[in-house]
Amino acid sequence: MTIRAATQADLPEIQAIYAHHVLHGTGTFEEIPPSVEEITARYENVLARGWVWLVAADATGVAGYAYFTQIRERSAYRHCAENAVYVRDDVRGQGVGKALVAALVEEATARGFRQMIAVVGDSENVGSIGVHASLGFRHVGTLRAVGCKFGRWLDTVYMQRALGPGDAAPPE
């Protein structure tokens, strides 16, 4: 498996991975899968802002993808990233997500971000919570019953990890 920058050619596979999560999972609160065109617009927005979109690829194609954005638009948030990671269903539990999040941590740190937030859909998403915890993210809060999907209420779990010197030094 190779972790590399996503390309336009990867977007149909990325859309298929995400569509599966939208239709069958609670890691995202979207309920209608976005088109390849919408995924393309999201991808282009991430790159245009200087953020990072990665894929994990092997002989079978794109096994997963991850990206980070600034957590909020306001300028005071410019040192805080939010990550997103999705793994193809047939390779879940094989280290793909962990490798992608670890690479995002490195990339965000190199770009001067000081904190990374994981917003995990569904407090029962033990896979994502475990991956983030294994990489030094700590649980900082849970929003109870803020989403409803598949006929049940869903929580959102917030996890946070310092990057580089974190808040131990002034921002640059």
N, C-alpha and C. Protein backbone atom coordinates (compact mmCIF):
# COMPACT_ATOMS: atom_id res chain seq x y z
N MET A 1 0.85 -1.19 0.00
CA MET A 1 0.00 0.00 0.00
C MET A 1 0.89 1.24 0.00
N THR A 2 0.49 2.20 -0.80
CA THR A 2 1.20 3.47 -0.91
C THR A 2 0.25 4.59 -0.50
N ILE A 3 0.77 5.51 0.31
CA ILE A 3 0.02 6.73 0.63
C ILE A 3 0.57 7.82 -0.27
N ARG A 4 -0.31 8.48 -1.01
CA ARG A 4 0.13 9.52 -1.94
C ARG A 4 -0.95 10.58 -2.08
N ALA A 5 -0.58 11.68 -2.71
CA ALA A 5 -1.55 12.73 -2.99
C ALA A 5 -2.63 12.19 -3.94
N ALA A 6 -3.86 12.50 -3.66
CA ALA A 6 -4.96 12.11 -4.54
C ALA A 6 -4.84 12.89 -5.85
N THR A 7 -5.31 12.28 -6.91
CA THR A 7 -5.35 12.94 -8.22
C THR A 7 -6.79 12.92 -8.74
N GLN A 8 -7.01 13.69 -9.79
CA GLN A 8 -8.33 13.71 -10.43
C GLN A 8 -8.75 12.30 -10.84
N ALA A 9 -7.80 11.50 -11.28
CA ALA A 9 -8.12 10.14 -11.73
C ALA A 9 -8.66 9.26 -10.60
N ASP A 10 -8.34 9.60 -9.35
CA ASP A 10 -8.81 8.83 -8.20
C ASP A 10 -10.24 9.15 -7.80
N LEU A 11 -10.78 10.25 -8.28
CA LEU A 11 -12.06 10.75 -7.77
C LEU A 11 -13.24 9.81 -7.97
N PRO A 12 -13.35 9.08 -9.09
CA PRO A 12 -14.47 8.12 -9.19
C PRO A 12 -14.40 7.02 -8.11
N GLU A 13 -13.20 6.54 -7.80
CA GLU A 13 -13.07 5.53 -6.74
C GLU A 13 -13.35 6.14 -5.37
N ILE A 14 -12.89 7.36 -5.16
CA ILE A 14 -13.17 8.07 -3.91
C ILE A 14 -14.68 8.25 -3.74
N GLN A 15 -15.36 8.64 -4.81
CA GLN A 15 -16.81 8.82 -4.75
C GLN A 15 -17.50 7.50 -4.41
N ALA A 16 -17.03 6.41 -4.97
CA ALA A 16 -17.65 5.10 -4.70
C ALA A 16 -17.45 4.70 -3.23
N ILE A 17 -16.26 4.95 -2.69
CA ILE A 17 -16.00 4.65 -1.28
C ILE A 17 -16.93 5.47 -0.40
N TYR A 18 -17.00 6.77 -0.68
CA TYR A 18 -17.83 7.64 0.14
C TYR A 18 -19.31 7.29 -0.01
N ALA A 19 -19.75 6.99 -1.22
CA ALA A 19 -21.16 6.63 -1.44
C ALA A 19 -21.53 5.42 -0.59
N HIS A 20 -20.64 4.46 -0.49
CA HIS A 20 -20.91 3.29 0.36
C HIS A 20 -21.12 3.71 1.82
N HIS A 21 -20.25 4.60 2.31
CA HIS A 21 -20.38 5.07 3.70
C HIS A 21 -21.67 5.86 3.89
N VAL A 22 -22.03 6.68 2.90
CA VAL A 22 -23.27 7.45 3.00
C VAL A 22 -24.48 6.52 3.07
N LEU A 23 -24.50 5.51 2.21
CA LEU A 23 -25.66 4.63 2.11
C LEU A 23 -25.74 3.56 3.21
N HIS A 24 -24.59 3.18 3.78
CA HIS A 24 -24.58 2.04 4.70
C HIS A 24 -23.97 2.33 6.07
N GLY A 25 -23.39 3.50 6.26
CA GLY A 25 -22.71 3.76 7.52
C GLY A 25 -23.18 5.00 8.23
N THR A 26 -22.69 5.18 9.44
CA THR A 26 -23.03 6.34 10.23
C THR A 26 -21.82 7.22 10.52
N GLY A 27 -20.71 6.95 9.85
CA GLY A 27 -19.52 7.78 10.00
C GLY A 27 -19.69 9.14 9.33
N THR A 28 -20.62 9.24 8.42
CA THR A 28 -21.00 10.51 7.82
C THR A 28 -22.50 10.69 8.03
N PHE A 29 -22.90 11.91 8.22
CA PHE A 29 -24.32 12.18 8.39
C PHE A 29 -24.99 12.57 7.08
N GLU A 30 -24.25 12.53 5.97
CA GLU A 30 -24.90 12.73 4.67
C GLU A 30 -25.78 11.52 4.40
N GLU A 31 -26.90 11.76 3.73
CA GLU A 31 -27.83 10.68 3.44
C GLU A 31 -28.00 10.40 1.95
N ILE A 32 -27.54 11.31 1.13
CA ILE A 32 -27.58 11.13 -0.32
C ILE A 32 -26.15 11.24 -0.84
N PRO A 33 -25.65 10.20 -1.49
CA PRO A 33 -24.26 10.26 -1.96
C PRO A 33 -24.04 11.40 -2.95
N PRO A 34 -22.99 12.17 -2.75
CA PRO A 34 -22.68 13.22 -3.72
C PRO A 34 -22.16 12.59 -5.02
N SER A 35 -22.37 13.30 -6.11
CA SER A 35 -21.91 12.85 -7.42
C SER A 35 -20.39 12.98 -7.53
N VAL A 36 -19.84 12.40 -8.56
CA VAL A 36 -18.41 12.58 -8.84
C VAL A 36 -18.11 14.06 -9.03
N GLU A 37 -19.03 14.78 -9.66
CA GLU A 37 -18.83 16.21 -9.88
C GLU A 37 -18.76 16.97 -8.55
N GLU A 38 -19.60 16.62 -7.59
CA GLU A 38 -19.57 17.25 -6.27
C GLU A 38 -18.29 16.89 -5.52
N ILE A 39 -17.88 15.62 -5.59
CA ILE A 39 -16.62 15.21 -4.97
C ILE A 39 -15.46 15.98 -5.60
N THR A 40 -15.51 16.17 -6.91
CA THR A 40 -14.47 16.93 -7.61
C THR A 40 -14.42 18.36 -7.09
N ALA A 41 -15.56 18.98 -6.91
CA ALA A 41 -15.59 20.35 -6.39
C ALA A 41 -15.01 20.41 -4.97
N ARG A 42 -15.33 19.43 -4.14
CA ARG A 42 -14.79 19.39 -2.78
C ARG A 42 -13.27 19.21 -2.81
N TYR A 43 -12.81 18.30 -3.65
CA TYR A 43 -11.38 18.04 -3.82
C TYR A 43 -10.65 19.31 -4.27
N GLU A 44 -11.19 19.97 -5.28
CA GLU A 44 -10.55 21.19 -5.79
C GLU A 44 -10.52 22.29 -4.74
N ASN A 45 -11.55 22.40 -3.92
CA ASN A 45 -11.58 23.38 -2.84
C ASN A 45 -10.49 23.10 -1.81
N VAL A 46 -10.32 21.86 -1.45
CA VAL A 46 -9.27 21.49 -0.49
C VAL A 46 -7.90 21.87 -1.04
N LEU A 47 -7.62 21.49 -2.27
CA LEU A 47 -6.30 21.78 -2.85
C LEU A 47 -6.09 23.28 -3.05
N ALA A 48 -7.13 24.00 -3.46
CA ALA A 48 -7.01 25.45 -3.69
C ALA A 48 -6.65 26.20 -2.42
N ARG A 49 -7.02 25.66 -1.28
CA ARG A 49 -6.75 26.31 0.00
C ARG A 49 -5.39 25.90 0.58
N GLY A 50 -4.66 25.02 -0.11
CA GLY A 50 -3.36 24.58 0.37
C GLY A 50 -3.43 23.45 1.38
N TRP A 51 -4.59 22.82 1.47
CA TRP A 51 -4.75 21.70 2.37
C TRP A 51 -4.39 20.41 1.63
N VAL A 52 -4.60 19.27 2.24
CA VAL A 52 -4.10 18.02 1.68
C VAL A 52 -5.22 16.99 1.53
N TRP A 53 -5.19 16.28 0.40
CA TRP A 53 -6.10 15.17 0.15
C TRP A 53 -5.23 13.99 -0.28
N LEU A 54 -5.29 12.90 0.47
CA LEU A 54 -4.44 11.73 0.24
C LEU A 54 -5.28 10.51 -0.11
N VAL A 55 -4.65 9.55 -0.77
CA VAL A 55 -5.24 8.23 -0.96
C VAL A 55 -4.25 7.17 -0.51
N ALA A 56 -4.80 6.05 -0.09
CA ALA A 56 -4.03 4.83 0.12
C ALA A 56 -4.37 3.96 -1.08
N ALA A 57 -3.35 3.56 -1.81
CA ALA A 57 -3.58 2.78 -3.03
C ALA A 57 -2.75 1.52 -3.02
N ASP A 58 -3.29 0.47 -3.62
CA ASP A 58 -2.56 -0.77 -3.80
C ASP A 58 -2.94 -1.34 -5.16
N ALA A 59 -2.62 -2.59 -5.39
CA ALA A 59 -2.89 -3.20 -6.70
C ALA A 59 -4.38 -3.24 -7.03
N THR A 60 -5.24 -3.15 -6.02
CA THR A 60 -6.68 -3.20 -6.26
C THR A 60 -7.27 -1.83 -6.52
N GLY A 61 -6.49 -0.77 -6.37
CA GLY A 61 -6.97 0.59 -6.58
C GLY A 61 -6.92 1.41 -5.31
N VAL A 62 -7.81 2.36 -5.17
CA VAL A 62 -7.87 3.22 -3.99
C VAL A 62 -8.52 2.44 -2.86
N ALA A 63 -7.77 2.24 -1.78
CA ALA A 63 -8.27 1.49 -0.63
C ALA A 63 -8.89 2.42 0.42
N GLY A 64 -8.56 3.69 0.33
CA GLY A 64 -9.11 4.67 1.27
C GLY A 64 -8.61 6.05 0.91
N TYR A 65 -9.21 7.04 1.54
CA TYR A 65 -8.78 8.41 1.31
C TYR A 65 -8.97 9.22 2.57
N ALA A 66 -8.25 10.32 2.63
CA ALA A 66 -8.34 11.21 3.79
C ALA A 66 -7.93 12.61 3.35
N TYR A 67 -8.45 13.60 4.05
CA TYR A 67 -8.07 14.97 3.77
C TYR A 67 -8.23 15.78 5.05
N PHE A 68 -7.64 16.98 5.04
CA PHE A 68 -7.91 17.88 6.13
C PHE A 68 -8.23 19.26 5.58
N THR A 69 -9.00 19.98 6.39
CA THR A 69 -9.38 21.36 6.10
C THR A 69 -9.17 22.17 7.37
N GLN A 70 -9.21 23.46 7.23
CA GLN A 70 -9.25 24.31 8.43
C GLN A 70 -10.61 24.07 9.07
N ILE A 71 -10.64 23.93 10.39
CA ILE A 71 -11.88 23.51 11.05
C ILE A 71 -13.03 24.48 10.86
N ARG A 72 -12.76 25.76 10.82
CA ARG A 72 -13.78 26.78 10.60
C ARG A 72 -13.19 27.86 9.71
N GLU A 73 -14.05 28.63 9.07
CA GLU A 73 -13.60 29.67 8.14
C GLU A 73 -12.94 30.87 8.81
N ARG A 74 -13.36 31.22 10.01
CA ARG A 74 -12.83 32.43 10.65
C ARG A 74 -11.32 32.33 10.82
N SER A 75 -10.65 33.45 10.65
CA SER A 75 -9.18 33.47 10.63
C SER A 75 -8.55 32.97 11.93
N ALA A 76 -9.21 33.14 13.04
CA ALA A 76 -8.64 32.68 14.31
C ALA A 76 -8.46 31.16 14.34
N TYR A 77 -9.15 30.44 13.47
CA TYR A 77 -9.03 28.98 13.40
C TYR A 77 -7.93 28.50 12.45
N ARG A 78 -7.13 29.41 11.93
CA ARG A 78 -6.16 29.07 10.87
C ARG A 78 -5.10 28.06 11.29
N HIS A 79 -4.95 27.79 12.58
CA HIS A 79 -3.95 26.82 13.05
C HIS A 79 -4.57 25.49 13.46
N CYS A 80 -5.87 25.33 13.18
CA CYS A 80 -6.57 24.12 13.63
C CYS A 80 -7.19 23.40 12.42
N ALA A 81 -6.78 22.17 12.22
CA ALA A 81 -7.27 21.36 11.11
C ALA A 81 -8.32 20.36 11.59
N GLU A 82 -9.21 20.00 10.68
CA GLU A 82 -10.16 18.91 10.91
C GLU A 82 -9.90 17.84 9.86
N ASN A 83 -9.83 16.60 10.29
CA ASN A 83 -9.56 15.54 9.32
C ASN A 83 -10.83 14.78 8.95
N ALA A 84 -10.75 14.10 7.84
CA ALA A 84 -11.79 13.18 7.39
C ALA A 84 -11.09 11.97 6.79
N VAL A 85 -11.58 10.78 7.08
CA VAL A 85 -10.96 9.56 6.56
C VAL A 85 -12.05 8.53 6.29
N TYR A 86 -11.94 7.90 5.12
CA TYR A 86 -12.90 6.87 4.72
C TYR A 86 -12.13 5.73 4.05
N VAL A 87 -12.50 4.51 4.41
CA VAL A 87 -11.80 3.33 3.92
C VAL A 87 -12.78 2.43 3.17
N ARG A 88 -12.30 1.85 2.09
CA ARG A 88 -13.12 0.92 1.30
C ARG A 88 -13.56 -0.23 2.21
N ASP A 89 -14.79 -0.63 2.09
CA ASP A 89 -15.39 -1.58 3.02
C ASP A 89 -14.62 -2.91 3.10
N ASP A 90 -14.11 -3.40 2.00
CA ASP A 90 -13.44 -4.71 2.00
C ASP A 90 -12.05 -4.70 2.61
N VAL A 91 -11.52 -3.53 2.98
CA VAL A 91 -10.19 -3.48 3.60
C VAL A 91 -10.23 -2.81 4.98
N ARG A 92 -11.41 -2.61 5.52
CA ARG A 92 -11.51 -2.02 6.86
C ARG A 92 -10.85 -2.94 7.87
N GLY A 93 -10.20 -2.34 8.87
CA GLY A 93 -9.54 -3.11 9.92
C GLY A 93 -8.17 -3.62 9.55
N GLN A 94 -7.63 -3.15 8.42
CA GLN A 94 -6.32 -3.62 7.96
C GLN A 94 -5.24 -2.55 8.02
N GLY A 95 -5.50 -1.45 8.73
CA GLY A 95 -4.49 -0.42 8.92
C GLY A 95 -4.51 0.71 7.91
N VAL A 96 -5.43 0.68 6.98
CA VAL A 96 -5.51 1.71 5.94
C VAL A 96 -5.84 3.07 6.57
N GLY A 97 -6.87 3.11 7.39
CA GLY A 97 -7.28 4.36 8.03
C GLY A 97 -6.19 4.93 8.91
N LYS A 98 -5.55 4.08 9.68
CA LYS A 98 -4.48 4.55 10.57
C LYS A 98 -3.33 5.14 9.78
N ALA A 99 -2.94 4.49 8.69
CA ALA A 99 -1.86 5.01 7.85
C ALA A 99 -2.23 6.36 7.25
N LEU A 100 -3.47 6.51 6.84
CA LEU A 100 -3.92 7.78 6.25
C LEU A 100 -3.94 8.89 7.30
N VAL A 101 -4.49 8.62 8.48
CA VAL A 101 -4.53 9.66 9.52
C VAL A 101 -3.11 10.04 9.95
N ALA A 102 -2.23 9.07 10.09
CA ALA A 102 -0.84 9.37 10.46
C ALA A 102 -0.19 10.28 9.42
N ALA A 103 -0.45 10.01 8.15
CA ALA A 103 0.10 10.86 7.09
C ALA A 103 -0.51 12.25 7.13
N LEU A 104 -1.80 12.37 7.43
CA LEU A 104 -2.42 13.68 7.56
C LEU A 104 -1.80 14.48 8.70
N VAL A 105 -1.54 13.82 9.81
CA VAL A 105 -0.90 14.49 10.95
C VAL A 105 0.43 15.08 10.52
N GLU A 106 1.23 14.30 9.80
CA GLU A 106 2.52 14.79 9.31
C GLU A 106 2.35 15.98 8.37
N GLU A 107 1.43 15.86 7.43
CA GLU A 107 1.22 16.92 6.44
C GLU A 107 0.72 18.21 7.10
N ALA A 108 -0.23 18.09 8.01
CA ALA A 108 -0.76 19.28 8.68
C ALA A 108 0.30 19.94 9.55
N THR A 109 1.11 19.14 10.23
CA THR A 109 2.19 19.68 11.05
C THR A 109 3.18 20.44 10.17
N ALA A 110 3.53 19.87 9.04
CA ALA A 110 4.48 20.51 8.12
C ALA A 110 3.94 21.83 7.58
N ARG A 111 2.62 21.99 7.54
CA ARG A 111 2.01 23.22 7.05
C ARG A 111 1.71 24.22 8.17
N GLY A 112 2.19 23.93 9.37
CA GLY A 112 2.06 24.88 10.47
C GLY A 112 0.81 24.78 11.31
N PHE A 113 -0.01 23.78 11.07
CA PHE A 113 -1.18 23.59 11.93
C PHE A 113 -0.71 23.13 13.31
N ARG A 114 -1.42 23.55 14.36
CA ARG A 114 -1.04 23.23 15.73
C ARG A 114 -1.98 22.28 16.44
N GLN A 115 -3.17 22.10 15.89
CA GLN A 115 -4.15 21.17 16.46
C GLN A 115 -4.85 20.47 15.32
N MET A 116 -5.24 19.22 15.57
CA MET A 116 -6.08 18.50 14.61
C MET A 116 -7.28 17.94 15.37
N ILE A 117 -8.44 18.12 14.77
CA ILE A 117 -9.69 17.65 15.34
C ILE A 117 -10.25 16.53 14.45
N ALA A 118 -10.70 15.47 15.10
CA ALA A 118 -11.46 14.42 14.41
C ALA A 118 -12.89 14.55 14.87
N VAL A 119 -13.80 14.69 13.94
CA VAL A 119 -15.22 14.74 14.24
C VAL A 119 -15.78 13.40 13.78
N VAL A 120 -15.98 12.50 14.73
CA VAL A 120 -16.36 11.12 14.42
C VAL A 120 -17.88 10.99 14.49
N GLY A 121 -18.46 10.64 13.36
CA GLY A 121 -19.90 10.39 13.33
C GLY A 121 -20.21 9.10 14.05
N ASP A 122 -21.11 9.14 15.00
CA ASP A 122 -21.63 7.99 15.73
C ASP A 122 -20.66 7.54 16.83
N SER A 123 -21.09 7.66 18.05
CA SER A 123 -20.26 7.25 19.19
C SER A 123 -20.04 5.74 19.21
N GLU A 124 -20.76 4.99 18.39
CA GLU A 124 -20.54 3.55 18.27
C GLU A 124 -19.51 3.21 17.19
N ASN A 125 -18.91 4.22 16.58
CA ASN A 125 -17.91 4.02 15.54
C ASN A 125 -16.56 3.73 16.21
N VAL A 126 -16.46 2.55 16.82
CA VAL A 126 -15.28 2.21 17.61
C VAL A 126 -14.02 2.10 16.75
N GLY A 127 -14.17 1.77 15.48
CA GLY A 127 -13.01 1.68 14.61
C GLY A 127 -12.33 3.03 14.46
N SER A 128 -13.08 4.06 14.10
CA SER A 128 -12.51 5.39 13.92
C SER A 128 -12.02 5.96 15.24
N ILE A 129 -12.79 5.78 16.29
CA ILE A 129 -12.36 6.27 17.61
C ILE A 129 -11.05 5.60 18.02
N GLY A 130 -10.96 4.31 17.81
CA GLY A 130 -9.74 3.57 18.15
C GLY A 130 -8.54 3.99 17.33
N VAL A 131 -8.73 4.18 16.03
CA VAL A 131 -7.63 4.64 15.17
C VAL A 131 -7.11 5.98 15.67
N HIS A 132 -8.00 6.91 15.91
CA HIS A 132 -7.56 8.24 16.36
C HIS A 132 -6.89 8.17 17.73
N ALA A 133 -7.44 7.40 18.65
CA ALA A 133 -6.83 7.27 19.98
C ALA A 133 -5.43 6.67 19.88
N SER A 134 -5.26 5.71 18.98
CA SER A 134 -3.94 5.07 18.83
C SER A 134 -2.89 6.03 18.28
N LEU A 135 -3.35 7.13 17.69
CA LEU A 135 -2.43 8.13 17.13
C LEU A 135 -2.33 9.38 18.01
N GLY A 136 -2.77 9.27 19.25
CA GLY A 136 -2.59 10.36 20.20
C GLY A 136 -3.74 11.34 20.30
N PHE A 137 -4.85 11.07 19.63
CA PHE A 137 -6.03 11.93 19.77
C PHE A 137 -6.71 11.57 21.09
N ARG A 138 -7.23 12.58 21.77
CA ARG A 138 -7.96 12.31 23.00
C ARG A 138 -9.40 12.80 22.85
N HIS A 139 -10.27 12.11 23.54
CA HIS A 139 -11.69 12.46 23.52
C HIS A 139 -11.87 13.79 24.23
N VAL A 140 -12.50 14.76 23.56
CA VAL A 140 -12.72 16.07 24.18
C VAL A 140 -14.20 16.43 24.29
N GLY A 141 -15.07 15.60 23.73
CA GLY A 141 -16.49 15.89 23.89
C GLY A 141 -17.36 15.03 23.00
N THR A 142 -18.60 14.94 23.40
CA THR A 142 -19.60 14.22 22.63
C THR A 142 -20.86 15.07 22.56
N LEU A 143 -21.34 15.27 21.36
CA LEU A 143 -22.63 15.93 21.16
C LEU A 143 -23.66 14.81 21.02
N ARG A 144 -24.57 14.73 21.95
CA ARG A 144 -25.53 13.64 22.01
C ARG A 144 -26.73 13.88 21.09
N ALA A 145 -27.07 12.84 20.34
CA ALA A 145 -28.29 12.80 19.53
C ALA A 145 -28.45 14.03 18.63
N VAL A 146 -27.37 14.39 17.93
CA VAL A 146 -27.42 15.56 17.05
C VAL A 146 -27.74 15.20 15.61
N GLY A 147 -27.69 13.93 15.28
CA GLY A 147 -28.03 13.48 13.93
C GLY A 147 -29.03 12.35 14.01
N CYS A 148 -29.75 12.15 12.92
CA CYS A 148 -30.70 11.04 12.84
C CYS A 148 -30.52 10.39 11.47
N LYS A 149 -30.17 9.12 11.48
CA LYS A 149 -29.95 8.39 10.23
C LYS A 149 -30.33 6.93 10.47
N PHE A 150 -30.91 6.31 9.49
CA PHE A 150 -31.36 4.93 9.59
C PHE A 150 -32.32 4.73 10.77
N GLY A 151 -33.11 5.76 11.05
CA GLY A 151 -34.14 5.66 12.08
C GLY A 151 -33.64 5.70 13.51
N ARG A 152 -32.39 6.15 13.71
CA ARG A 152 -31.89 6.25 15.09
C ARG A 152 -31.09 7.52 15.28
N TRP A 153 -31.05 7.97 16.53
CA TRP A 153 -30.28 9.16 16.88
C TRP A 153 -28.81 8.82 16.92
N LEU A 154 -28.00 9.77 16.45
CA LEU A 154 -26.55 9.58 16.41
C LEU A 154 -25.83 10.70 17.14
N ASP A 155 -24.78 10.31 17.83
CA ASP A 155 -23.90 11.27 18.50
C ASP A 155 -22.77 11.66 17.56
N THR A 156 -22.10 12.73 17.91
CA THR A 156 -20.86 13.11 17.25
C THR A 156 -19.78 13.19 18.33
N VAL A 157 -18.67 12.50 18.10
CA VAL A 157 -17.57 12.47 19.04
C VAL A 157 -16.46 13.38 18.53
N TYR A 158 -15.97 14.24 19.41
CA TYR A 158 -14.86 15.13 19.08
C TYR A 158 -13.59 14.61 19.74
N MET A 159 -12.53 14.48 18.94
CA MET A 159 -11.22 14.07 19.44
C MET A 159 -10.20 15.10 18.96
N GLN A 160 -9.16 15.31 19.75
CA GLN A 160 -8.20 16.37 19.45
C GLN A 160 -6.78 15.88 19.71
N ARG A 161 -5.86 16.38 18.88
CA ARG A 161 -4.44 16.06 19.01
C ARG A 161 -3.63 17.30 18.72
N ALA A 162 -2.65 17.58 19.58
CA ALA A 162 -1.73 18.68 19.31
C ALA A 162 -0.79 18.28 18.17
N LEU A 163 -0.41 19.26 17.37
CA LEU A 163 0.55 19.05 16.29
C LEU A 163 1.78 19.89 16.57
N GLY A 164 2.95 19.35 16.28
CA GLY A 164 4.18 20.10 16.54
C GLY A 164 4.21 20.55 17.99
N PRO A 165 4.53 21.84 18.22
CA PRO A 165 4.57 22.30 19.61
C PRO A 165 3.19 22.56 20.21
N GLY A 166 2.14 22.36 19.43
CA GLY A 166 0.80 22.60 19.95
C GLY A 166 0.66 24.01 20.46
N ASP A 167 0.16 24.15 21.68
CA ASP A 167 -0.02 25.48 22.26
C ASP A 167 1.13 25.87 23.20
N ALA A 168 2.22 25.09 23.18
CA ALA A 168 3.36 25.38 24.05
C ALA A 168 4.21 26.53 23.55
N ALA A 169 3.98 26.96 22.33
CA ALA A 169 4.72 28.08 21.75
C ALA A 169 3.75 28.95 20.97
N PRO A 170 4.03 30.24 20.86
CA PRO A 170 3.12 31.11 20.11
C PRO A 170 3.04 30.70 18.64
N PRO A 171 1.91 30.96 18.00
CA PRO A 171 1.82 30.65 16.57
C PRO A 171 2.76 31.53 15.76
N GLU A 172 3.12 31.02 14.62
CA GLU A 172 4.03 31.76 13.74
C GLU A 172 3.26 32.55 12.72
